[in-house]
Amino acid sequence: MEKKVFLAFIGIILSFAGIRAQSTADLYSKDIKAKNLKEHVYILASDSCAGRDVGTLGIKIARDYIVSQWEENAVLRSYFEETWLQAFPLLTFEERTPRLQSKNTKFFSDQDFMYSGMLDRFDKELPLVFAGYGREEDYKNLDVKGKAVFTLSGNLRAAVRNARIAKENGAELTLVANPKSSNQFESIVLQFEDFSKFKNYRLVNEVAIDSFMVDMPSYRYMTLSSKSVKKLTGKNLQYWKNKAIEGNEPIGEIKFVVEPLKADTIIENNVVAYIPGSNANESIVVGAHYDHLGTVDGKIYNGADDNASGVSALIELSKAFAKAYQDGYKPEKNIIFAAFSAEEGGIWGSKYFADQLENKEQVKLMINIDMIGRADYHHENDPGYFYFIGKHLADSLYTQEKQLSKKYKLTSNYSAITDYSDNKSFSDIGIPSIFFFDGKNHDLHKPTDTANKVNYKRMEKISRMIFETIWRNAAVGKN
């Protein structure tokens, strides 16, 4: 009987301790306020930052702002010796615009044709031969060595198949059109229109250029619009759809020019601070990327939701934990706050940081905050809707997050599987990761992603939820 009473008493004590810890976390989480988040977003997504593209003055302005927020705090420490910055080199690639001409007619890239092939130097005049649907049997009686071939395909997204077979038969260049759809070409161009404007880059290493070229097709080929087929051959697509292969007689002559890639090296920086834990051998990384897409064709891609929202949360989280630390509430694990660069072009900043970790097993959790400012276009009527994307997580973390979502009146979706943001750099090496994410909205990667469209009360709720997630998993307690 006495034993049961003693155990019940211990249970009551532990319950009160849990409630006290919970109320303490609430106290400091309330320091994260919508008005402060808004102030950061408006600065980071201002025209002065010019879209925060890598290697620009705009991203330096954003970087200096983040450093200024951390320098003024006596608790936050620079993660690297005597510097907040982790410099890393990037190899940037500028693609050249290919040129196509037939007789006296010039064709325009991404308007009349879309080149998807090798990016080495090429400048030749070639006879053009019709090769039907570009199948193996279509080349049976054709000699296409040193020539360009015009072929058909019911799906331009599979044009590389035509290119592969043509090259195996000696062709130097393959042109592909779709006789079954008059607008597939235009829909593909529209899909890639934005991405083709932005920089392409890789981390610098001994195989950087080689690894970039591996990603490129090993064939020279292009897809054609329906209108350009008639300009190129003098016949429309329906004519060619019903046309039999009649031999090696050229149907025309073309000139095609591709200039090689232009490569350059720039230095980018991650910005990293931390609060020391009582157990220096365990850490939690909280990250958000601060780069965006820059300025293209005179239009600034401000990147308010993507990802000024995440960086603003990162700054306010660091301040809230610093205040708790000053008041004697210290974490057991180190809390590392990392603003990553070069996420948009391939999560290179976070990859560099993760690769440079000396003791990866000491990182017990990575929390990535990438776009938390507005609901996606499927849930615009539910401002509390967001995606919680986890990898290598214990079941208890999902239980914890469901409780916190309910507490903050948020609607969390746990079914999404995409993880292509900075959390992937950590989950790929086995570190448990959480990705807090809006989902896609109508302004993603557009100049219209501006600060006035962000829902700051939503940001406040999600940021406070993230605060409690860190508090619990870093084991913050009174010391």
Protein backbone atom coordinates (compact mmCIF):
# COMPACT_ATOMS: atom_id res chain seq x y z
CA MET A 1 0.00 0.00 0.00
CA GLU A 2 2.79 2.39 0.97
CA LYS A 3 4.60 1.54 -2.26
CA LYS A 4 1.48 2.39 -4.33
CA VAL A 5 1.04 5.68 -2.51
CA PHE A 6 4.72 6.52 -3.06
CA LEU A 7 4.48 5.75 -6.79
CA ALA A 8 1.31 7.84 -7.11
CA PHE A 9 3.07 10.71 -5.36
CA ILE A 10 6.03 10.45 -7.74
CA GLY A 11 3.59 10.46 -10.68
CA ILE A 12 1.98 13.66 -9.42
CA ILE A 13 5.38 15.30 -9.01
CA LEU A 14 6.42 14.35 -12.55
CA SER A 15 3.13 15.61 -13.92
CA PHE A 16 3.60 18.97 -12.24
CA ALA A 17 7.17 19.08 -13.57
CA GLY A 18 5.88 18.45 -17.09
CA ILE A 19 3.23 21.16 -16.74
CA ARG A 20 5.83 23.57 -15.39
CA ALA A 21 8.22 22.79 -18.25
CA GLN A 22 5.36 23.23 -20.69
CA SER A 23 4.31 26.57 -19.25
CA THR A 24 7.94 27.74 -19.31
CA ALA A 25 8.22 26.88 -23.01
CA ASP A 26 4.96 28.78 -23.56
CA LEU A 27 6.38 31.79 -21.79
CA TYR A 28 9.39 32.09 -24.09
CA SER A 29 7.62 31.02 -27.27
CA LYS A 30 5.36 34.05 -26.85
CA ASP A 31 8.40 36.26 -27.45
CA ILE A 32 8.05 35.20 -31.10
CA LYS A 33 5.63 37.81 -32.41
CA ALA A 34 4.07 38.42 -35.81
CA LYS A 35 5.22 42.06 -35.89
CA ASN A 36 8.89 41.06 -35.49
CA LEU A 37 8.61 38.33 -38.11
CA LYS A 38 7.03 40.85 -40.46
CA GLU A 39 9.84 43.32 -39.95
CA HIS A 40 12.46 40.71 -40.92
CA VAL A 41 10.51 39.55 -43.99
CA TYR A 42 10.06 43.09 -45.28
CA ILE A 43 13.80 43.71 -45.00
CA LEU A 44 14.97 40.39 -46.46
CA ALA A 45 12.39 40.50 -49.29
CA SER A 46 12.94 44.18 -50.06
CA ASP A 47 14.08 45.44 -53.45
CA SER A 48 17.37 46.38 -51.79
CA CYS A 49 18.20 42.68 -51.53
CA ALA A 50 17.35 42.29 -55.24
CA GLY A 51 16.17 38.71 -54.88
CA ARG A 52 19.21 37.45 -52.88
CA ASP A 53 20.82 35.54 -55.75
CA VAL A 54 24.18 33.87 -55.08
CA GLY A 55 27.22 35.97 -55.82
CA THR A 56 25.35 39.29 -55.75
CA LEU A 57 25.33 42.41 -53.60
CA GLY A 58 21.72 41.59 -52.68
CA ILE A 59 22.57 38.35 -50.94
CA LYS A 60 25.44 40.08 -49.12
CA ILE A 61 22.97 42.66 -47.77
CA ALA A 62 20.74 39.82 -46.52
CA ARG A 63 23.73 38.00 -45.04
CA ASP A 64 24.97 41.11 -43.23
CA TYR A 65 21.48 41.61 -41.80
CA ILE A 66 21.38 38.08 -40.36
CA VAL A 67 24.84 38.54 -38.84
CA SER A 68 23.77 41.87 -37.32
CA GLN A 69 20.82 40.18 -35.61
CA TRP A 70 23.11 37.60 -34.02
CA GLU A 71 26.03 39.89 -33.20
CA GLU A 72 23.85 42.04 -30.96
CA ASN A 73 22.94 39.04 -28.79
CA ALA A 74 25.36 38.21 -25.98
CA VAL A 75 24.25 34.58 -25.71
CA LEU A 76 24.53 33.53 -29.35
CA ARG A 77 27.98 32.39 -30.37
CA SER A 78 29.59 32.11 -33.78
CA TYR A 79 29.74 28.45 -34.74
CA PHE A 80 33.12 28.77 -36.43
CA GLU A 81 36.21 30.17 -34.80
CA GLU A 82 35.89 33.95 -34.70
CA THR A 83 33.39 34.08 -37.59
CA TRP A 84 29.70 33.60 -38.23
CA LEU A 85 30.40 32.61 -41.82
CA GLN A 86 31.22 29.31 -43.47
CA ALA A 87 32.63 30.14 -46.89
CA PHE A 88 32.34 27.65 -49.74
CA PRO A 89 33.13 27.89 -53.46
CA LEU A 90 30.53 27.49 -56.19
CA LEU A 91 31.13 26.81 -59.85
CA THR A 92 28.49 28.70 -61.81
CA PHE A 93 27.50 27.85 -65.37
CA GLU A 94 26.02 30.19 -67.93
CA GLU A 95 24.39 28.38 -70.81
CA ARG A 96 24.74 29.84 -74.28
CA THR A 97 21.74 30.39 -76.55
CA PRO A 98 21.82 27.87 -79.43
CA ARG A 99 21.18 29.12 -82.98
CA LEU A 100 19.31 27.31 -85.75
CA GLN A 101 18.98 28.47 -89.35
CA SER A 102 17.54 27.01 -92.55
CA LYS A 103 18.21 28.79 -95.85
CA ASN A 104 17.28 32.39 -95.01
CA THR A 105 15.05 31.57 -92.03
CA LYS A 106 16.26 32.01 -88.46
CA PHE A 107 14.65 30.06 -85.64
CA PHE A 108 14.50 31.22 -82.02
CA SER A 109 15.40 29.10 -79.02
CA ASP A 110 12.49 28.33 -76.63
CA GLN A 111 10.12 29.77 -79.18
CA ASP A 112 10.60 27.69 -82.34
CA PHE A 113 12.81 24.97 -80.89
CA MET A 114 14.10 23.76 -77.55
CA TYR A 115 17.61 22.33 -77.41
CA SER A 116 18.25 19.70 -74.76
CA GLY A 117 21.52 18.19 -75.85
CA MET A 118 25.26 18.38 -75.33
CA LEU A 119 26.69 21.77 -74.47
CA ASP A 120 30.10 21.50 -76.08
CA ARG A 121 31.08 23.68 -79.03
CA PHE A 122 29.20 22.80 -82.24
CA ASP A 123 29.03 24.83 -85.45
CA LYS A 124 28.06 22.95 -88.62
CA GLU A 125 25.97 23.05 -91.74
CA LEU A 126 24.25 19.69 -92.18
CA PRO A 127 21.95 18.05 -94.74
CA LEU A 128 18.58 17.17 -93.18
CA VAL A 129 17.14 13.71 -93.76
CA PHE A 130 13.67 12.45 -92.83
CA ALA A 131 13.77 9.29 -90.66
CA GLY A 132 10.11 8.66 -89.84
CA TYR A 133 9.50 7.92 -86.17
CA GLY A 134 13.19 7.38 -85.57
CA ARG A 135 12.89 3.69 -84.75
CA GLU A 136 15.65 1.16 -85.40
CA GLU A 137 13.82 -0.18 -88.45
CA ASP A 138 13.46 3.32 -89.89
CA TYR A 139 17.21 3.48 -90.42
CA LYS A 140 17.43 0.16 -92.25
CA ASN A 141 17.91 1.75 -95.67
CA LEU A 142 19.17 5.16 -94.58
CA ASP A 143 22.67 6.56 -94.47
CA VAL A 144 22.62 9.39 -91.90
CA LYS A 145 26.29 9.55 -91.00
CA GLY A 146 27.38 13.17 -90.58
CA LYS A 147 23.83 14.41 -91.17
CA ALA A 148 20.92 15.84 -89.21
CA VAL A 149 17.73 13.78 -89.03
CA PHE A 150 14.15 14.99 -88.72
CA THR A 151 11.98 12.49 -86.81
CA LEU A 152 8.52 12.21 -85.26
CA SER A 153 7.41 11.18 -81.79
CA GLY A 154 4.06 10.95 -80.04
CA ASN A 155 5.69 12.36 -76.90
CA LEU A 156 8.34 15.07 -77.00
CA ARG A 157 9.35 14.26 -73.44
CA ALA A 158 10.69 10.98 -74.82
CA ALA A 159 12.65 12.66 -77.63
CA VAL A 160 15.93 11.45 -76.16
CA ARG A 161 15.02 7.96 -77.43
CA ASN A 162 14.98 9.29 -80.99
CA ALA A 163 18.30 11.04 -80.35
CA ARG A 164 19.96 7.92 -78.99
CA ILE A 165 18.96 5.75 -81.96
CA ALA A 166 19.94 8.48 -84.43
CA LYS A 167 23.39 8.82 -82.87
CA GLU A 168 23.89 5.06 -82.93
CA ASN A 169 23.30 5.27 -86.67
CA GLY A 170 25.83 8.08 -87.11
CA ALA A 171 23.62 11.19 -87.10
CA GLU A 172 25.15 14.35 -85.63
CA LEU A 173 21.89 16.10 -84.73
CA THR A 174 18.29 14.99 -84.18
CA LEU A 175 15.17 17.13 -84.61
CA VAL A 176 11.90 15.82 -83.15
CA ALA A 177 8.29 16.99 -83.63
CA ASN A 178 4.98 15.61 -82.34
CA PRO A 179 2.29 15.06 -85.02
CA LYS A 180 -0.26 13.96 -82.42
CA SER A 181 -0.28 17.17 -80.40
CA SER A 182 -0.01 20.66 -81.80
CA ASN A 183 0.69 22.30 -78.41
CA GLN A 184 2.87 19.88 -76.42
CA PHE A 185 5.96 21.84 -77.39
CA GLU A 186 4.48 25.08 -76.03
CA SER A 187 3.42 23.44 -72.75
CA ILE A 188 6.96 22.10 -72.17
CA VAL A 189 8.50 25.49 -72.92
CA LEU A 190 6.09 27.13 -70.47
CA GLN A 191 6.97 24.59 -67.79
CA PHE A 192 10.69 25.32 -68.04
CA GLU A 193 10.43 29.02 -68.83
CA ASP A 194 11.22 30.30 -65.35
CA PHE A 195 13.95 27.79 -64.54
CA SER A 196 15.86 28.46 -67.76
CA LYS A 197 16.40 32.07 -66.65
CA PHE A 198 18.30 31.32 -63.48
CA LYS A 199 21.88 30.42 -62.68
CA ASN A 200 23.09 26.85 -62.69
CA TYR A 201 25.85 25.97 -60.24
CA ARG A 202 27.71 23.20 -58.42
CA LEU A 203 30.03 22.91 -55.46
CA VAL A 204 33.62 23.22 -56.59
CA ASN A 205 35.56 19.99 -56.42
CA GLU A 206 37.81 17.95 -58.63
CA VAL A 207 34.87 16.55 -60.62
CA ALA A 208 32.53 19.55 -60.60
CA ILE A 209 32.48 20.18 -64.34
CA ASP A 210 32.49 16.47 -65.13
CA SER A 211 29.58 15.85 -62.76
CA PHE A 212 27.65 18.72 -64.34
CA MET A 213 28.21 17.33 -67.82
CA VAL A 214 27.09 13.88 -66.67
CA ASP A 215 23.69 15.44 -65.94
CA MET A 216 23.51 16.61 -69.55
CA PRO A 217 22.34 14.30 -72.36
CA SER A 218 25.11 12.70 -74.40
CA TYR A 219 23.28 13.46 -77.64
CA ARG A 220 22.63 16.58 -79.68
CA TYR A 221 18.89 16.97 -80.16
CA MET A 222 16.04 19.45 -80.12
CA THR A 223 12.27 19.46 -80.15
CA LEU A 224 10.33 21.59 -82.62
CA SER A 225 7.07 23.50 -82.52
CA SER A 226 4.43 22.60 -85.11
CA LYS A 227 4.82 25.96 -86.84
CA SER A 228 8.59 25.68 -87.10
CA VAL A 229 8.29 22.32 -88.89
CA LYS A 230 6.58 24.00 -91.83
CA LYS A 231 9.10 26.87 -91.85
CA LEU A 232 11.95 24.38 -91.72
CA THR A 233 10.75 21.82 -94.29
CA GLY A 234 8.11 23.63 -96.32
CA LYS A 235 5.53 21.00 -95.28
CA ASN A 236 3.22 20.80 -92.27
CA LEU A 237 3.26 18.05 -89.65
CA GLN A 238 0.29 16.20 -91.14
CA TYR A 239 2.23 15.79 -94.35
CA TRP A 240 5.15 14.21 -92.51
CA LYS A 241 2.87 12.09 -90.35
CA ASN A 242 1.69 10.25 -93.48
CA LYS A 243 4.99 10.39 -95.31
CA ALA A 244 6.92 7.20 -96.03
CA ILE A 245 10.70 7.11 -95.76
CA GLU A 246 11.94 7.29 -99.34
CA GLY A 247 15.71 7.21 -99.06
CA ASN A 248 18.71 9.37 -98.37
CA GLU A 249 17.71 12.42 -100.39
CA PRO A 250 17.97 15.47 -98.08
CA ILE A 251 14.77 17.42 -97.44
CA GLY A 252 16.78 20.55 -96.73
CA GLU A 253 19.92 21.91 -95.13
CA ILE A 254 20.37 23.50 -91.70
CA LYS A 255 23.04 25.36 -89.80
CA PHE A 256 23.22 24.78 -86.06
CA VAL A 257 25.51 26.51 -83.58
CA VAL A 258 26.02 25.90 -79.86
CA GLU A 259 28.61 27.78 -77.83
CA PRO A 260 30.22 25.94 -74.89
CA LEU A 261 29.25 26.57 -71.28
CA LYS A 262 30.84 29.54 -69.59
CA ALA A 263 32.04 28.65 -66.09
CA ASP A 264 33.01 30.94 -63.23
CA THR A 265 33.83 30.49 -59.55
CA ILE A 266 32.19 32.50 -56.78
CA ILE A 267 32.38 32.30 -52.99
CA GLU A 268 29.16 31.92 -51.02
CA ASN A 269 28.58 31.72 -47.27
CA ASN A 270 26.42 29.90 -44.78
CA VAL A 271 25.73 31.96 -41.64
CA VAL A 272 25.84 29.86 -38.47
CA ALA A 273 25.32 30.59 -34.76
CA TYR A 274 24.73 28.32 -31.78
CA ILE A 275 23.72 28.13 -28.16
CA PRO A 276 25.88 25.67 -26.19
CA GLY A 277 24.29 22.69 -24.50
CA SER A 278 25.34 21.06 -21.26
CA ASN A 279 26.19 17.97 -23.33
CA ALA A 280 28.58 19.31 -25.97
CA ASN A 281 28.52 15.97 -27.80
CA GLU A 282 24.91 16.24 -28.98
CA SER A 283 23.32 18.86 -31.22
CA ILE A 284 20.16 19.92 -33.00
CA VAL A 285 20.49 21.87 -36.25
CA VAL A 286 17.78 24.40 -37.13
CA GLY A 287 18.13 25.67 -40.69
CA ALA A 288 16.57 27.95 -43.29
CA HIS A 289 17.98 29.05 -46.64
CA TYR A 290 18.37 32.78 -47.25
CA ASP A 291 19.16 32.79 -50.97
CA HIS A 292 16.58 33.18 -53.73
CA LEU A 293 16.46 33.68 -57.50
CA GLY A 294 17.70 37.23 -57.91
CA THR A 295 16.73 39.67 -60.65
CA VAL A 296 15.93 38.46 -64.16
CA ASP A 297 14.94 40.61 -67.14
CA GLY A 298 14.59 43.60 -64.82
CA LYS A 299 12.14 41.79 -62.50
CA ILE A 300 13.05 41.20 -58.86
CA TYR A 301 12.18 37.79 -57.45
CA ASN A 302 11.81 39.03 -53.86
CA GLY A 303 11.25 35.58 -52.32
CA ALA A 304 9.16 36.68 -49.34
CA ASP A 305 7.64 33.29 -48.58
CA ASP A 306 10.57 31.50 -50.22
CA ASN A 307 12.37 31.90 -47.96
CA ALA A 308 12.47 35.19 -46.11
CA SER A 309 9.71 33.63 -44.00
CA GLY A 310 11.94 30.76 -42.87
CA VAL A 311 14.94 32.98 -42.14
CA SER A 312 12.76 35.39 -40.14
CA ALA A 313 11.55 32.48 -38.03
CA LEU A 314 15.15 31.31 -37.59
CA ILE A 315 16.18 34.73 -36.28
CA GLU A 316 13.27 34.96 -33.83
CA LEU A 317 13.78 31.37 -32.64
CA SER A 318 17.43 32.08 -31.88
CA LYS A 319 16.48 35.20 -29.88
CA ALA A 320 13.80 33.39 -27.89
CA PHE A 321 16.19 30.60 -26.91
CA ALA A 322 18.89 33.15 -26.07
CA LYS A 323 16.50 34.92 -23.70
CA ALA A 324 15.59 31.62 -22.02
CA TYR A 325 19.30 30.86 -21.68
CA GLN A 326 19.93 34.20 -19.98
CA ASP A 327 17.16 33.36 -17.53
CA GLY A 328 18.79 30.04 -16.67
CA TYR A 329 16.83 27.73 -18.99
CA LYS A 330 19.60 25.98 -20.88
CA PRO A 331 19.50 23.16 -23.41
CA GLU A 332 21.10 19.79 -22.89
CA LYS A 333 21.95 19.62 -26.60
CA ASN A 334 23.70 22.36 -28.57
CA ILE A 335 21.21 24.30 -30.69
CA ILE A 336 22.80 25.28 -34.01
CA PHE A 337 21.06 27.97 -36.09
CA ALA A 338 22.12 27.85 -39.74
CA ALA A 339 21.13 30.20 -42.57
CA PHE A 340 22.11 28.31 -45.70
CA SER A 341 22.97 29.75 -49.08
CA ALA A 342 22.71 28.18 -52.57
CA GLU A 343 19.58 26.15 -51.83
CA GLU A 344 17.70 27.20 -54.95
CA GLY A 345 20.33 25.83 -57.32
CA GLY A 346 20.73 22.46 -55.61
CA ILE A 347 20.89 22.66 -51.75
CA TRP A 348 24.64 23.22 -52.03
CA GLY A 349 25.13 25.31 -48.89
CA SER A 350 23.52 22.76 -46.58
CA LYS A 351 25.29 19.93 -48.39
CA TYR A 352 28.63 21.61 -47.77
CA PHE A 353 27.77 22.17 -44.09
CA ALA A 354 26.65 18.55 -43.63
CA ASP A 355 29.69 17.18 -45.46
CA GLN A 356 32.00 19.20 -43.22
CA LEU A 357 30.51 17.89 -39.97
CA GLU A 358 33.24 16.04 -38.12
CA ASN A 359 30.92 13.91 -35.98
CA LYS A 360 27.70 13.47 -37.92
CA GLU A 361 26.35 10.99 -35.38
CA GLN A 362 26.28 13.76 -32.78
CA VAL A 363 23.53 15.61 -34.70
CA LYS A 364 20.37 14.10 -33.27
CA LEU A 365 17.83 16.11 -35.26
CA MET A 366 17.71 18.60 -38.15
CA ILE A 367 14.75 21.00 -38.46
CA ASN A 368 14.40 22.78 -41.79
CA ILE A 369 12.14 25.82 -42.21
CA ASP A 370 11.46 26.55 -45.86
CA MET A 371 8.32 28.58 -46.65
CA ILE A 372 5.93 28.97 -43.73
CA GLY A 373 4.26 32.24 -44.72
CA ARG A 374 1.08 31.11 -46.51
CA ALA A 375 -0.98 28.02 -47.26
CA ASP A 376 -0.62 26.26 -50.61
CA TYR A 377 -3.07 26.76 -53.49
CA HIS A 378 -5.04 23.66 -52.48
CA HIS A 379 -5.77 25.06 -49.00
CA GLU A 380 -6.04 28.82 -49.41
CA ASN A 381 -9.15 28.80 -47.20
CA ASP A 382 -7.26 27.13 -44.34
CA PRO A 383 -4.46 29.53 -43.32
CA GLY A 384 -3.25 27.03 -40.71
CA TYR A 385 -2.52 24.27 -43.22
CA PHE A 386 1.10 23.17 -43.58
CA TYR A 387 3.21 20.10 -44.35
CA PHE A 388 5.27 18.27 -41.75
CA ILE A 389 7.71 16.11 -43.68
CA GLY A 390 9.81 13.75 -41.60
CA LYS A 391 12.54 11.25 -42.29
CA HIS A 392 14.24 8.78 -39.93
CA LEU A 393 11.97 10.03 -37.12
CA ALA A 394 10.82 8.09 -34.06
CA ASP A 395 7.05 7.62 -33.74
CA SER A 396 7.12 9.73 -30.59
CA LEU A 397 8.07 12.80 -32.66
CA TYR A 398 4.97 12.41 -34.83
CA THR A 399 2.86 12.07 -31.69
CA GLN A 400 4.47 15.19 -30.26
CA GLU A 401 3.88 17.21 -33.42
CA LYS A 402 0.23 16.18 -33.62
CA GLN A 403 -0.24 17.44 -30.06
CA LEU A 404 1.46 20.74 -30.90
CA SER A 405 -0.55 21.18 -34.11
CA LYS A 406 -3.72 20.80 -32.10
CA LYS A 407 -2.47 23.19 -29.44
CA TYR A 408 -1.70 25.92 -32.00
CA LYS A 409 -4.84 25.21 -34.05
CA LEU A 410 -2.84 24.24 -37.13
CA THR A 411 -3.67 21.62 -39.75
CA SER A 412 -0.65 19.47 -40.41
CA ASN A 413 -0.25 17.08 -43.33
CA TYR A 414 2.10 14.18 -42.62
CA SER A 415 1.62 12.31 -45.90
CA ALA A 416 3.85 14.39 -48.19
CA ILE A 417 7.06 12.64 -49.23
CA THR A 418 8.97 15.40 -51.03
CA ASP A 419 12.10 16.39 -49.17
CA TYR A 420 14.06 18.39 -51.70
CA SER A 421 15.15 21.20 -49.48
CA ASP A 422 18.04 21.60 -47.05
CA ASN A 423 16.78 18.82 -44.80
CA LYS A 424 17.73 16.36 -47.55
CA SER A 425 21.44 17.12 -47.05
CA PHE A 426 21.05 15.71 -43.54
CA SER A 427 18.53 12.90 -44.08
CA ASP A 428 20.74 11.55 -46.89
CA ILE A 429 23.45 10.83 -44.32
CA GLY A 430 21.03 9.26 -41.85
CA ILE A 431 20.28 12.24 -39.60
CA PRO A 432 16.61 12.45 -38.50
CA SER A 433 15.02 15.46 -40.15
CA ILE A 434 11.84 17.54 -40.09
CA PHE A 435 10.78 19.84 -42.91
CA PHE A 436 8.20 22.55 -42.12
CA PHE A 437 6.74 23.60 -45.47
CA ASP A 438 3.80 25.54 -46.95
CA GLY A 439 3.44 23.51 -50.09
CA LYS A 440 3.33 25.31 -53.45
CA ASN A 441 1.41 28.53 -53.92
CA HIS A 442 0.62 30.51 -57.07
CA ASP A 443 3.51 32.94 -56.51
CA LEU A 444 6.27 30.38 -55.96
CA HIS A 445 9.39 31.30 -57.95
CA LYS A 446 7.70 34.38 -59.41
CA PRO A 447 8.30 38.11 -58.94
CA THR A 448 4.91 38.21 -57.21
CA ASP A 449 6.19 36.40 -54.08
CA THR A 450 6.18 39.61 -52.07
CA ALA A 451 6.05 40.51 -48.38
CA ASN A 452 2.50 41.88 -48.48
CA LYS A 453 1.15 38.41 -49.31
CA VAL A 454 2.58 36.68 -46.23
CA ASN A 455 0.24 35.72 -43.38
CA TYR A 456 2.22 36.80 -40.32
CA LYS A 457 -0.14 35.41 -37.69
CA ARG A 458 0.22 32.03 -39.38
CA MET A 459 4.00 32.45 -39.29
CA GLU A 460 3.79 33.26 -35.59
CA LYS A 461 1.84 30.06 -34.83
CA ILE A 462 4.12 27.78 -36.83
CA SER A 463 7.25 29.44 -35.42
CA ARG A 464 5.99 28.93 -31.87
CA MET A 465 5.23 25.32 -32.67
CA ILE A 466 8.79 24.90 -33.97
CA PHE A 467 10.09 26.57 -30.80
CA GLU A 468 8.37 23.96 -28.63
CA THR A 469 9.64 21.19 -30.90
CA ILE A 470 13.20 22.38 -30.35
CA TRP A 471 12.63 23.01 -26.62
CA ARG A 472 11.46 19.45 -26.03
CA ASN A 473 14.07 17.75 -28.21
CA ALA A 474 16.98 19.86 -26.99
CA ALA A 475 15.84 19.04 -23.44
CA VAL A 476 15.83 22.61 -22.16
CA GLY A 477 15.77 22.85 -18.38
CA LYS A 478 16.54 25.17 -15.44
CA ASN A 479 20.23 25.28 -14.59
